[in-house]
Protein backbone atom coordinates (compact mmCIF):
# COMPACT_ATOMS: atom_id res chain seq x y z
CA MET A 1 -78.59 -90.33 -111.28
CA ASP A 2 -74.80 -89.97 -111.09
CA TYR A 3 -73.67 -86.70 -112.63
CA VAL A 4 -69.97 -85.78 -112.89
CA ILE A 5 -70.88 -82.11 -113.31
CA GLU A 6 -73.91 -80.22 -112.02
CA MET A 7 -74.24 -76.49 -112.57
CA LEU A 8 -77.39 -75.46 -110.77
CA GLY A 9 -79.10 -72.08 -111.24
CA ILE A 10 -75.96 -70.29 -112.47
CA ARG A 11 -76.18 -66.52 -112.92
CA LYS A 12 -73.30 -64.50 -114.38
CA GLU A 13 -73.52 -60.74 -115.04
CA PHE A 14 -71.25 -58.28 -116.80
CA PRO A 15 -71.79 -54.50 -116.91
CA GLY A 16 -74.99 -53.96 -118.88
CA ILE A 17 -75.61 -57.63 -119.66
CA VAL A 18 -76.79 -60.84 -117.97
CA ALA A 19 -74.76 -63.52 -119.76
CA ASN A 20 -76.15 -66.52 -117.82
CA ASP A 21 -79.59 -66.27 -116.25
CA ASP A 22 -80.44 -69.19 -113.92
CA ILE A 23 -78.91 -71.92 -116.14
CA THR A 24 -78.74 -75.57 -115.10
CA LEU A 25 -76.43 -78.09 -116.80
CA GLN A 26 -76.04 -81.72 -115.69
CA VAL A 27 -73.46 -83.98 -117.33
CA LYS A 28 -73.34 -87.77 -116.90
CA LYS A 29 -70.11 -89.75 -116.60
CA GLY A 30 -68.85 -91.09 -119.92
CA GLU A 31 -71.09 -89.01 -122.18
CA ILE A 32 -70.44 -86.39 -124.84
CA HIS A 33 -72.79 -83.58 -123.84
CA ALA A 34 -73.39 -80.76 -126.33
CA LEU A 35 -73.92 -77.18 -125.17
CA LEU A 36 -75.80 -75.56 -128.03
CA GLY A 37 -76.71 -71.93 -128.54
CA GLU A 38 -76.45 -68.96 -130.90
CA ASN A 39 -73.37 -66.74 -130.98
CA GLY A 40 -73.47 -64.70 -127.79
CA ALA A 41 -76.03 -67.00 -126.08
CA GLY A 42 -73.69 -67.42 -123.09
CA LYS A 43 -72.16 -70.87 -123.79
CA SER A 44 -68.50 -69.91 -123.37
CA THR A 45 -69.34 -67.76 -120.33
CA LEU A 46 -71.00 -70.75 -118.63
CA MET A 47 -67.97 -72.94 -119.29
CA ASN A 48 -65.59 -70.20 -118.13
CA VAL A 49 -67.55 -70.25 -114.84
CA LEU A 50 -67.04 -74.03 -114.62
CA PHE A 51 -63.32 -73.65 -115.37
CA GLY A 52 -62.92 -70.93 -112.72
CA LEU A 53 -62.15 -68.03 -115.06
CA TYR A 54 -65.33 -66.25 -113.92
CA GLN A 55 -67.11 -66.30 -110.56
CA PRO A 56 -70.91 -66.59 -110.73
CA GLU A 57 -73.21 -64.17 -108.91
CA LYS A 58 -75.56 -67.03 -107.99
CA GLY A 59 -75.80 -70.79 -108.24
CA GLU A 60 -73.94 -73.91 -107.21
CA ILE A 61 -71.42 -76.21 -108.89
CA ARG A 62 -71.11 -79.88 -107.92
CA VAL A 63 -68.36 -82.15 -109.21
CA ARG A 64 -69.01 -85.90 -108.77
CA GLY A 65 -71.79 -85.08 -106.31
CA GLU A 66 -69.65 -82.85 -104.06
CA LYS A 67 -70.15 -79.08 -103.86
CA ALA A 68 -67.14 -77.35 -105.48
CA ASN A 69 -65.75 -73.87 -104.97
CA ILE A 70 -63.78 -73.23 -108.18
CA LYS A 71 -61.82 -70.00 -107.73
CA GLY A 72 -59.53 -70.42 -110.74
CA PRO A 73 -58.24 -72.85 -113.41
CA ASN A 74 -55.86 -74.50 -110.91
CA ASP A 75 -58.86 -75.48 -108.77
CA ALA A 76 -60.58 -76.82 -111.90
CA ASN A 77 -57.47 -78.83 -112.87
CA GLN A 78 -57.29 -80.35 -109.37
CA LEU A 79 -60.92 -81.46 -109.75
CA GLY A 80 -60.02 -83.13 -113.07
CA ILE A 81 -61.60 -80.46 -115.30
CA GLY A 82 -59.66 -79.35 -118.39
CA MET A 83 -60.65 -76.79 -121.04
CA VAL A 84 -59.58 -76.43 -124.65
CA HIS A 85 -60.35 -72.82 -125.59
CA GLN A 86 -61.53 -71.71 -129.03
CA HIS A 87 -58.40 -69.56 -129.41
CA PHE A 88 -55.46 -71.72 -128.43
CA MET A 89 -53.19 -70.84 -125.52
CA LEU A 90 -49.88 -72.00 -126.98
CA VAL A 91 -46.38 -70.50 -127.23
CA ASP A 92 -45.40 -70.56 -130.92
CA THR A 93 -41.65 -70.88 -130.39
CA PHE A 94 -41.88 -73.71 -127.83
CA THR A 95 -42.04 -77.41 -128.67
CA VAL A 96 -45.17 -79.48 -128.12
CA THR A 97 -43.71 -80.91 -124.89
CA GLU A 98 -42.61 -77.51 -123.56
CA ASN A 99 -46.16 -76.20 -124.08
CA ILE A 100 -47.75 -79.22 -122.41
CA ILE A 101 -45.60 -79.11 -119.26
CA LEU A 102 -45.67 -75.31 -118.90
CA GLY A 103 -46.59 -74.56 -115.29
CA SER A 104 -46.20 -78.17 -114.12
CA GLU A 105 -42.65 -78.99 -115.25
CA PRO A 106 -41.13 -82.27 -113.98
CA SER A 107 -37.71 -81.43 -112.53
CA LYS A 108 -34.62 -83.30 -111.41
CA LEU A 109 -32.37 -81.41 -108.98
CA GLY A 110 -34.05 -78.14 -110.00
CA LYS A 111 -33.57 -78.80 -113.75
CA VAL A 112 -36.49 -79.53 -116.08
CA ASP A 113 -36.43 -83.21 -117.06
CA ILE A 114 -37.45 -82.75 -120.70
CA LYS A 115 -36.68 -86.38 -121.69
CA LYS A 116 -39.06 -87.70 -119.01
CA ALA A 117 -41.73 -85.20 -120.11
CA GLU A 118 -41.35 -86.16 -123.81
CA LYS A 119 -41.78 -89.84 -122.88
CA GLU A 120 -44.95 -89.11 -120.88
CA VAL A 121 -46.38 -86.91 -123.65
CA LYS A 122 -45.73 -89.65 -126.24
CA GLU A 123 -47.39 -92.29 -124.03
CA ILE A 124 -50.56 -90.17 -123.59
CA SER A 125 -50.57 -89.25 -127.29
CA ASP A 126 -50.33 -92.94 -128.34
CA ARG A 127 -52.95 -94.05 -125.82
CA TYR A 128 -55.61 -91.71 -127.20
CA GLY A 129 -54.58 -91.89 -130.87
CA LEU A 130 -53.55 -88.23 -130.99
CA LYS A 131 -50.43 -88.86 -133.14
CA VAL A 132 -48.57 -85.79 -131.88
CA ASP A 133 -44.78 -85.46 -132.20
CA PRO A 134 -43.56 -84.26 -128.77
CA ARG A 135 -40.54 -82.48 -130.29
CA SER A 136 -42.27 -80.43 -133.02
CA LYS A 137 -42.38 -76.67 -132.61
CA ILE A 138 -45.92 -75.24 -132.42
CA ARG A 139 -45.29 -72.80 -135.29
CA ASP A 140 -44.46 -75.75 -137.60
CA ILE A 141 -47.63 -77.79 -137.07
CA SER A 142 -51.16 -77.44 -138.47
CA VAL A 143 -54.06 -75.84 -136.62
CA GLY A 144 -55.65 -79.28 -136.17
CA MET A 145 -52.45 -80.61 -134.62
CA GLN A 146 -52.23 -77.55 -132.31
CA GLN A 147 -55.70 -78.40 -131.06
CA ARG A 148 -54.54 -81.93 -130.25
CA VAL A 149 -51.70 -80.39 -128.25
CA GLU A 150 -54.30 -78.46 -126.24
CA ILE A 151 -56.22 -81.71 -125.60
CA LEU A 152 -52.96 -83.42 -124.59
CA LYS A 153 -52.24 -80.55 -122.21
CA THR A 154 -55.48 -81.25 -120.32
CA LEU A 155 -54.87 -85.03 -120.28
CA TYR A 156 -51.30 -84.53 -119.02
CA ARG A 157 -52.76 -82.65 -116.05
CA GLY A 158 -55.06 -85.59 -115.28
CA ALA A 159 -58.36 -84.21 -116.63
CA ASP A 160 -61.23 -86.66 -116.94
CA ILE A 161 -63.85 -83.97 -117.70
CA LEU A 162 -62.96 -82.07 -120.89
CA ILE A 163 -64.59 -78.84 -122.07
CA LEU A 164 -64.07 -78.33 -125.82
CA ASP A 165 -65.04 -74.78 -126.93
CA GLU A 166 -66.04 -74.74 -130.62
CA PRO A 167 -63.33 -77.32 -131.40
CA THR A 168 -64.22 -77.75 -135.09
CA ALA A 169 -64.49 -74.04 -136.00
CA VAL A 170 -60.95 -73.92 -137.44
CA LEU A 171 -60.59 -77.50 -138.72
CA THR A 172 -60.74 -78.97 -142.21
CA PRO A 173 -63.40 -81.68 -142.89
CA GLN A 174 -60.73 -84.41 -142.57
CA GLU A 175 -59.49 -83.00 -139.24
CA ILE A 176 -63.09 -82.87 -137.97
CA LYS A 177 -63.51 -86.60 -138.71
CA GLU A 178 -60.27 -87.34 -136.86
CA LEU A 179 -61.32 -85.19 -133.86
CA ILE A 180 -64.65 -87.05 -133.63
CA GLU A 181 -62.73 -90.35 -133.47
CA ILE A 182 -60.48 -88.90 -130.73
CA MET A 183 -63.56 -87.83 -128.75
CA ARG A 184 -65.04 -91.33 -129.03
CA THR A 185 -61.75 -92.85 -127.81
CA LEU A 186 -61.63 -90.46 -124.83
CA VAL A 187 -65.18 -91.41 -123.79
CA LYS A 188 -64.42 -95.15 -124.12
CA GLU A 189 -61.56 -94.55 -121.67
CA GLY A 190 -64.03 -93.14 -119.14
CA LYS A 191 -63.67 -89.42 -119.83
CA SER A 192 -66.68 -87.08 -120.03
CA ILE A 193 -66.83 -84.31 -122.64
CA ILE A 194 -68.77 -81.05 -122.80
CA LEU A 195 -68.81 -79.89 -126.41
CA ILE A 196 -69.65 -76.20 -127.00
CA THR A 197 -70.88 -75.97 -130.57
CA HIS A 198 -73.55 -74.79 -132.95
CA LYS A 199 -72.82 -77.34 -135.68
CA LEU A 200 -75.93 -79.49 -135.69
CA LYS A 201 -74.45 -82.17 -137.95
CA GLU A 202 -71.70 -82.86 -135.40
CA ILE A 203 -74.14 -82.98 -132.48
CA MET A 204 -76.24 -85.58 -134.31
CA GLU A 205 -73.13 -87.62 -135.15
CA VAL A 206 -71.26 -87.70 -131.85
CA CYS A 207 -73.28 -86.41 -128.86
CA ASP A 208 -75.46 -88.30 -126.38
CA ARG A 209 -77.42 -85.37 -124.93
CA CYS A 210 -77.70 -81.68 -125.71
CA THR A 211 -78.48 -78.69 -123.47
CA VAL A 212 -79.77 -75.64 -125.36
CA ILE A 213 -79.34 -72.07 -124.14
CA ARG A 214 -80.89 -69.02 -125.79
CA LYS A 215 -80.09 -65.39 -124.92
CA GLY A 216 -78.55 -66.43 -121.60
CA LYS A 217 -81.42 -68.69 -120.46
CA GLY A 218 -81.58 -72.49 -120.32
CA ILE A 219 -84.17 -73.83 -122.79
CA GLY A 220 -83.81 -77.52 -121.85
CA THR A 221 -81.87 -80.76 -122.35
CA VAL A 222 -82.78 -83.33 -125.01
CA ASP A 223 -81.57 -86.83 -125.93
CA VAL A 224 -79.86 -86.51 -129.30
CA ALA A 225 -81.21 -89.89 -130.48
CA GLY A 226 -84.76 -88.55 -130.08
CA THR A 227 -84.33 -85.24 -131.94
CA ASN A 228 -83.31 -83.91 -135.36
CA PRO A 229 -81.39 -80.88 -136.76
CA THR A 230 -84.57 -78.90 -137.53
CA GLU A 231 -85.86 -79.24 -133.96
CA LEU A 232 -82.45 -78.35 -132.49
CA ALA A 233 -82.18 -75.28 -134.75
CA SER A 234 -85.58 -73.93 -133.72
CA LEU A 235 -84.79 -74.57 -130.01
CA MET A 236 -81.56 -72.64 -130.48
CA VAL A 237 -82.85 -69.54 -132.29
CA GLY A 238 -86.53 -69.58 -131.25
CA ARG A 239 -87.90 -69.82 -134.79
CA GLU A 240 -87.79 -72.09 -137.82
CA VAL A 241 -84.53 -71.88 -139.76
CA SER A 242 -84.05 -72.61 -143.44
CA PHE A 243 -81.02 -74.80 -144.20
CA SER A 244 -81.08 -74.17 -147.94
CA THR A 245 -80.52 -70.71 -149.39
CA GLU A 246 -83.26 -69.30 -151.60
CA LYS A 247 -81.83 -67.67 -154.70
CA THR A 248 -82.84 -66.96 -158.28
CA PRO A 249 -80.45 -67.82 -161.15
CA ALA A 250 -77.56 -65.38 -161.57
CA HIS A 251 -77.37 -62.94 -164.47
CA PRO A 252 -73.62 -62.29 -164.75
CA LYS A 253 -72.57 -59.14 -166.59
CA GLU A 254 -69.14 -57.63 -167.26
CA ASN A 255 -65.92 -59.01 -165.83
CA VAL A 256 -64.96 -57.41 -162.48
CA LEU A 257 -61.98 -59.53 -161.35
CA ALA A 258 -59.48 -61.04 -163.77
CA VAL A 259 -56.53 -63.10 -162.50
CA LYS A 260 -54.10 -64.44 -165.11
CA ASP A 261 -50.99 -66.63 -164.80
CA LEU A 262 -50.62 -65.60 -161.14
CA ILE A 263 -47.63 -66.83 -159.13
CA VAL A 264 -47.47 -66.25 -155.35
CA LYS A 265 -44.85 -67.62 -152.95
CA ASP A 266 -45.29 -68.30 -149.23
CA ALA A 267 -42.96 -67.20 -146.41
CA ARG A 268 -40.59 -70.10 -147.20
CA LYS A 269 -40.30 -68.87 -150.84
CA VAL A 270 -42.22 -71.91 -152.11
CA ASP A 271 -44.70 -71.37 -154.98
CA MET A 272 -48.21 -71.73 -153.50
CA VAL A 273 -50.15 -70.18 -156.41
CA LYS A 274 -48.79 -71.58 -159.65
CA GLY A 275 -49.92 -69.78 -162.80
CA LEU A 276 -53.56 -69.50 -161.68
CA ASN A 277 -56.36 -68.14 -163.89
CA LEU A 278 -59.73 -66.96 -162.53
CA GLU A 279 -62.53 -64.58 -163.49
CA VAL A 280 -65.45 -63.21 -161.45
CA LYS A 281 -68.22 -61.25 -163.16
CA ALA A 282 -70.64 -58.65 -161.79
CA GLY A 283 -73.77 -60.33 -160.46
CA GLU A 284 -72.36 -63.76 -159.69
CA ILE A 285 -70.91 -65.69 -156.74
CA VAL A 286 -67.85 -67.76 -157.62
CA GLY A 287 -66.99 -70.30 -154.93
CA ILE A 288 -63.47 -71.62 -154.43
CA ALA A 289 -63.49 -75.24 -153.31
CA GLY A 290 -60.32 -76.97 -152.20
CA VAL A 291 -58.60 -78.75 -149.36
CA ASP A 292 -56.89 -76.22 -147.09
CA GLY A 293 -53.27 -75.57 -148.05
CA ASN A 294 -53.67 -75.63 -151.83
CA GLY A 295 -52.94 -71.93 -152.29
CA GLN A 296 -56.38 -70.47 -151.49
CA SER A 297 -55.18 -68.23 -148.65
CA GLU A 298 -52.22 -66.98 -150.69
CA LEU A 299 -54.54 -66.18 -153.63
CA ILE A 300 -56.88 -64.11 -151.41
CA GLU A 301 -53.92 -62.34 -149.74
CA ALA A 302 -52.43 -61.50 -153.15
CA ILE A 303 -55.70 -60.01 -154.47
CA THR A 304 -56.25 -57.94 -151.29
CA GLY A 305 -52.66 -56.63 -151.12
CA LEU A 306 -51.68 -58.57 -147.98
CA LYS A 307 -49.08 -60.63 -149.88
CA LYS A 308 -46.77 -59.75 -152.77
CA SER A 309 -47.33 -61.54 -156.09
CA GLU A 310 -44.27 -62.71 -158.03
CA SER A 311 -45.78 -62.38 -161.51
CA GLY A 312 -49.00 -62.50 -163.48
CA VAL A 313 -52.02 -60.17 -163.68
CA ILE A 314 -54.65 -59.09 -161.11
CA GLN A 315 -57.16 -56.64 -162.58
CA LEU A 316 -60.27 -55.01 -161.14
CA ASN A 317 -62.58 -53.52 -163.77
CA GLY A 318 -59.73 -53.68 -166.30
CA LYS A 319 -57.17 -51.84 -164.11
CA SER A 320 -54.22 -53.52 -162.41
CA ILE A 321 -54.41 -53.80 -158.62
CA MET A 322 -51.46 -56.19 -158.37
CA ASN A 323 -49.08 -55.45 -155.47
CA LEU A 324 -50.99 -52.34 -154.41
CA LYS A 325 -51.09 -51.64 -150.66
CA PRO A 326 -54.26 -52.96 -148.92
CA ARG A 327 -55.72 -49.45 -148.54
CA LYS A 328 -55.32 -48.79 -152.29
CA VAL A 329 -57.00 -52.13 -153.08
CA THR A 330 -59.86 -51.18 -150.75
CA GLU A 331 -60.22 -47.74 -152.37
CA ALA A 332 -60.28 -49.37 -155.81
CA GLY A 333 -63.53 -51.11 -154.81
CA VAL A 334 -62.62 -54.37 -153.04
CA SER A 335 -64.18 -55.48 -149.75
CA HIS A 336 -62.51 -58.25 -147.77
CA ILE A 337 -64.13 -60.46 -145.13
CA PRO A 338 -60.90 -62.09 -143.92
CA GLN A 339 -60.36 -65.71 -142.98
CA ASP A 340 -58.76 -64.73 -139.67
CA ARG A 341 -61.02 -62.09 -138.12
CA HIS A 342 -58.70 -61.40 -135.18
CA LYS A 343 -55.54 -60.94 -137.23
CA TYR A 344 -56.93 -59.03 -140.22
CA GLY A 345 -60.53 -58.05 -139.42
CA LEU A 346 -60.58 -56.17 -136.14
CA VAL A 347 -58.55 -54.08 -133.72
CA LEU A 348 -59.68 -56.08 -130.71
CA ASP A 349 -59.05 -53.41 -128.07
CA PHE A 350 -60.92 -50.71 -130.03
CA PRO A 351 -64.66 -50.21 -129.39
CA ILE A 352 -66.82 -52.13 -131.86
CA GLY A 353 -68.15 -48.76 -133.10
CA GLU A 354 -64.68 -47.67 -134.27
CA ASN A 355 -64.06 -51.09 -135.85
CA MET A 356 -67.10 -50.39 -138.06
CA VAL A 357 -65.20 -47.60 -139.89
CA LEU A 358 -61.69 -49.09 -140.06
CA GLN A 359 -61.69 -48.81 -143.88
CA THR A 360 -63.20 -45.32 -144.09
CA TYR A 361 -62.39 -43.41 -140.87
CA TYR A 362 -60.03 -41.01 -142.72
CA GLN A 363 -62.68 -40.05 -145.32
CA LYS A 364 -65.66 -37.70 -145.14
CA PRO A 365 -68.02 -37.64 -143.24
CA TYR A 366 -65.98 -39.49 -140.58
CA SER A 367 -63.00 -37.12 -140.72
CA LYS A 368 -62.40 -33.54 -141.73
CA ASN A 369 -58.88 -32.12 -142.02
CA THR A 370 -57.52 -35.22 -140.19
CA VAL A 371 -59.88 -34.65 -137.22
CA MET A 372 -62.23 -37.58 -136.63
CA ASN A 373 -65.94 -36.91 -136.11
CA PHE A 374 -66.82 -39.46 -133.42
CA LYS A 375 -70.48 -38.48 -133.29
CA THR A 376 -70.91 -39.42 -136.98
CA ILE A 377 -68.80 -42.58 -136.52
CA TYR A 378 -70.91 -43.86 -133.61
CA ASN A 379 -74.20 -42.92 -135.31
CA LYS A 380 -73.11 -45.01 -138.30
CA ALA A 381 -72.01 -47.85 -136.02
CA ARG A 382 -75.42 -47.89 -134.28
CA ASP A 383 -77.17 -48.21 -137.66
CA LEU A 384 -74.93 -51.10 -138.77
CA ILE A 385 -75.20 -52.87 -135.38
CA LYS A 386 -79.00 -52.76 -135.73
CA GLU A 387 -79.09 -53.78 -139.40
CA TYR A 388 -76.70 -56.71 -138.95
CA ASP A 389 -78.07 -57.82 -135.55
CA VAL A 390 -74.67 -57.46 -133.84
CA ARG A 391 -75.35 -58.38 -130.20
CA THR A 392 -73.28 -56.07 -128.04
CA PRO A 393 -74.03 -54.19 -124.78
CA SER A 394 -73.21 -50.96 -126.69
CA GLU A 395 -71.24 -49.53 -129.61
CA TYR A 396 -68.55 -48.54 -127.10
CA THR A 397 -67.87 -52.17 -126.03
CA PRO A 398 -64.36 -53.39 -127.01
CA ALA A 399 -64.47 -55.74 -130.00
CA ARG A 400 -62.73 -58.51 -128.03
CA ALA A 401 -65.67 -58.67 -125.57
CA LEU A 402 -68.09 -59.80 -128.33
CA SER A 403 -68.64 -63.44 -129.23
CA GLY A 404 -66.91 -64.67 -132.41
CA GLY A 405 -70.16 -64.69 -134.38
CA ASN A 406 -71.01 -61.12 -133.44
CA GLN A 407 -67.47 -60.00 -134.33
CA GLN A 408 -68.02 -61.62 -137.74
CA LYS A 409 -71.39 -59.91 -138.27
CA ALA A 410 -69.74 -56.55 -137.49
CA ILE A 411 -67.01 -57.18 -140.11
CA ILE A 412 -69.55 -58.24 -142.73
CA GLY A 413 -71.67 -55.15 -142.01
CA ARG A 414 -68.66 -52.89 -142.44
CA GLU A 415 -67.46 -54.57 -145.65
CA VAL A 416 -70.83 -54.85 -147.40
CA ASP A 417 -71.95 -51.33 -146.44
CA ARG A 418 -69.21 -49.72 -148.54
CA SER A 419 -70.95 -50.85 -151.79
CA PRO A 420 -67.80 -52.42 -153.28
CA ASP A 421 -67.49 -53.80 -156.82
CA LEU A 422 -65.93 -57.02 -155.53
CA ILE A 423 -66.62 -58.74 -152.20
CA ILE A 424 -64.06 -61.33 -151.16
CA ALA A 425 -65.66 -63.50 -148.48
CA ALA A 426 -63.12 -65.91 -146.96
CA GLN A 427 -64.76 -68.37 -144.56
CA PRO A 428 -67.57 -65.83 -143.92
CA THR A 429 -69.57 -68.14 -141.63
CA ARG A 430 -66.72 -69.87 -139.78
CA GLY A 431 -67.82 -70.41 -136.19
CA LEU A 432 -71.34 -69.03 -136.73
CA ASP A 433 -74.68 -70.53 -135.68
CA VAL A 434 -77.39 -71.54 -138.15
CA GLY A 435 -79.38 -68.32 -137.65
CA ALA A 436 -76.36 -66.13 -138.35
CA ILE A 437 -75.32 -68.30 -141.32
CA GLU A 438 -78.79 -67.94 -142.85
CA PHE A 439 -78.58 -64.14 -142.39
CA ILE A 440 -75.10 -63.82 -143.95
CA HIS A 441 -75.97 -66.06 -146.91
CA LYS A 442 -79.00 -63.85 -147.61
CA LYS A 443 -76.81 -60.73 -147.45
CA LEU A 444 -74.26 -62.15 -149.93
CA ILE A 445 -77.04 -63.11 -152.35
CA GLU A 446 -78.60 -59.63 -151.98
CA GLU A 447 -75.23 -58.11 -152.89
CA ARG A 448 -74.93 -60.42 -155.91
CA ASP A 449 -78.41 -59.35 -157.01
CA LYS A 450 -77.33 -55.69 -156.75
CA GLY A 451 -74.66 -56.46 -159.35
CA ARG A 452 -71.64 -57.02 -157.10
CA ALA A 453 -69.07 -59.67 -157.91
CA VAL A 454 -68.58 -62.09 -155.00
CA LEU A 455 -65.60 -64.40 -154.56
CA LEU A 456 -66.35 -66.96 -151.84
CA LEU A 457 -63.70 -69.09 -150.17
CA SER A 458 -65.09 -71.78 -147.88
CA PHE A 459 -64.04 -75.19 -146.64
CA GLU A 460 -67.70 -76.07 -145.96
CA LEU A 461 -68.78 -77.92 -149.11
CA ASP A 462 -72.49 -77.44 -148.42
CA GLU A 463 -71.87 -73.66 -148.22
CA ILE A 464 -70.03 -73.72 -151.56
CA MET A 465 -72.84 -75.79 -153.15
CA ASN A 466 -75.58 -73.62 -151.63
CA LEU A 467 -74.25 -70.17 -152.47
CA SER A 468 -72.11 -70.43 -155.60
CA ASP A 469 -73.25 -69.83 -159.16
CA ARG A 470 -69.94 -71.27 -160.39
CA ILE A 471 -67.39 -73.32 -158.47
CA ALA A 472 -63.65 -73.08 -159.18
CA VAL A 473 -61.81 -76.09 -157.74
CA MET A 474 -58.27 -75.37 -156.53
CA PHE A 475 -55.63 -78.05 -156.25
CA ASP A 476 -51.88 -77.56 -155.89
CA GLY A 477 -52.01 -73.81 -156.54
CA GLN A 478 -54.15 -73.89 -159.68
CA VAL A 479 -57.81 -73.88 -160.70
CA VAL A 480 -58.08 -77.45 -162.01
CA ALA A 481 -61.81 -77.45 -162.83
CA GLU A 482 -64.86 -75.24 -163.06
CA VAL A 483 -68.30 -76.71 -162.36
CA LYS A 484 -71.85 -75.52 -161.73
CA PRO A 485 -73.39 -76.63 -158.42
CA GLU A 486 -76.55 -77.94 -160.10
CA GLU A 487 -74.42 -80.16 -162.39
CA THR A 488 -72.15 -81.69 -159.73
CA SER A 489 -72.26 -83.44 -156.35
CA GLU A 490 -70.26 -83.17 -153.13
CA GLN A 491 -68.66 -86.53 -154.01
CA GLU A 492 -67.48 -85.27 -157.42
CA LEU A 493 -66.21 -82.04 -155.85
CA GLY A 494 -64.34 -84.05 -153.21
CA LEU A 495 -62.59 -86.08 -155.93
CA LEU A 496 -61.65 -82.94 -157.90
CA MET A 497 -60.33 -81.33 -154.69
CA ALA A 498 -58.15 -84.40 -154.16
CA GLY A 499 -56.62 -83.87 -157.61
CA SER A 500 -58.51 -86.35 -159.81
CA LYS A 501 -59.19 -85.12 -163.34
CA GLN A 502 -62.61 -83.91 -164.46
CA GLU A 503 -64.39 -86.54 -166.51
CA LYS A 504 -66.92 -84.21 -168.12
CA ALA A 505 -65.81 -82.35 -171.20
CA GLY A 506 -65.63 -78.57 -171.21
CA ASP A 507 -65.57 -76.10 -168.35
CA ALA A 508 -69.23 -76.74 -167.38
């Protein structure tokens, strides 16, 4: 059997944790090979070993049958291995071409030949159907397009083995479809792809084989054609997982959140929320469905105090919270699970224990007369880490050392624990595995049943359908329809999200 990559008996340790314990991965030429595992199972670590970012304690790597000693990313690049990381490595103020050639600039008499580079970038982009404009600045293009730039960067350096780390975690459904087509094109051209993911639907759609790792150990490799999502899920988490969320009908009570005639502008002073009206009652989950870029982020930022509203009304329990500072909004009784956990959810260099009290560290019992009580803080953190199954070597580990899913569980633990009146959950399960998604869905329903109001923003339609008691569809900065999940379908929702009018009379 000809393998392009063989990782044999790989062991990688960090202080207090064995991230990879005797794992074997064998990838055939021209296949899309999924690497599946829970958050923190060791998937990214294994690929960072292959890419030379980490050195293994034990094991052997072979590339195209030859033993390889990969001491760093340059060695990996020379062997034709490229990696697209989950968090992109791009310079915002540079153009697409400047980012792609960074570190391997073509020069003429000591001067960078940017015209030649732009031509080469365009040729590669056209060949693989990436449709990237070589002259665009990174800050002006969408997240999906930035990811294509990262893929182009690896192709420009001659990679024929591509590692894609959670590539769909930040993409819209349309961008995911386009990425799958790009992956198919790359494989037709003779490339091999290792896809790190925990999205079972995508594995079934696009992958040839799948290697499963659980808690740092290799569980086995299966042919995707001979398996199904249920089997993959139980291999991944070691137990049966429910894909549908059990919940009783909601019993909404008094109004908690009232938004009326709200107008919010973006950084370019363009109206993104245009006279929006929305209500969320105690004891219900209201889902916001919409294609990304229709004002959802601006709405959430306005309610939570992260963005200034131009006009309108935002009330919590009948009192205005419009244009209050984020801390005042928090103290009024709002919890926020933010869409971007790194930017708004965590202080990455702080220990995870201190991140657990970011909203309350200045209050009793965590502080007295401005002096913080670290013993109480870390006792609290230990309780939350246990309750929310946050997998971390200890409460003193820096937040940035945790996997994305465990960072998210820590944020959700912190936000839910404060017993707020309103929980705003923006993309609460982005980048999470099925076991963690099941856990977080249960938590949100528990909070609803305790009488909290929950506002859910998600671009995953099955999540919106599964969790919501009412669905508000946003299009072009307004709520254009309200439907109940049991009275609609994903197809109807998709049409409403694209701006077509609701055929049914009334608000449903």
